[in-house]
């Protein structure tokens, strides 16, 4: 049985748009994944205390037969293939960041994965691309994406042509 999952993509080092396109193509070709939709690209300010360039963010929807943890493993392997090194620094610059945002209506919190993604309801760089995929989509425990988006500041985020 297939489940609709939402994946956030981002990066701020190098040719980010090209890398995001390549990562989307790679994910679309993975066994157990079928690309079901994609957002526009957004330029967004960095999050956290580390000075760094703006990010480019997007989201994709996939239909998957993979478990949430198996999908997470595919995302982590894809990050590594595109030069991402997870060195423990949070909110720092990165070549590619892939986050499993939603997995159907699942709510999960274990040592490897939290669903929906933590702080999803507070972050414009996540909600803007998710709204492109469907503003009526429900974030379990939080409400509709469109309603969440109206409650936060998006003035520093720009949809890219």
Foldseek 3Di string as FASTA:
>chain_A
DKWKWKKKKKAADDPQVVLVVVLVVVQCPDPFKHWDAKFFWKFAQFDDDDDGHTMIMIMTIIIGPDDPVVVVVVQVVSQVVQPFDCPPDPRDGTNMDMDGQATHLDADDDPPDGANPPPLLADPSNLVNVVRVPQQDARHPPGGSVVSNVVYDDVRMGGDD
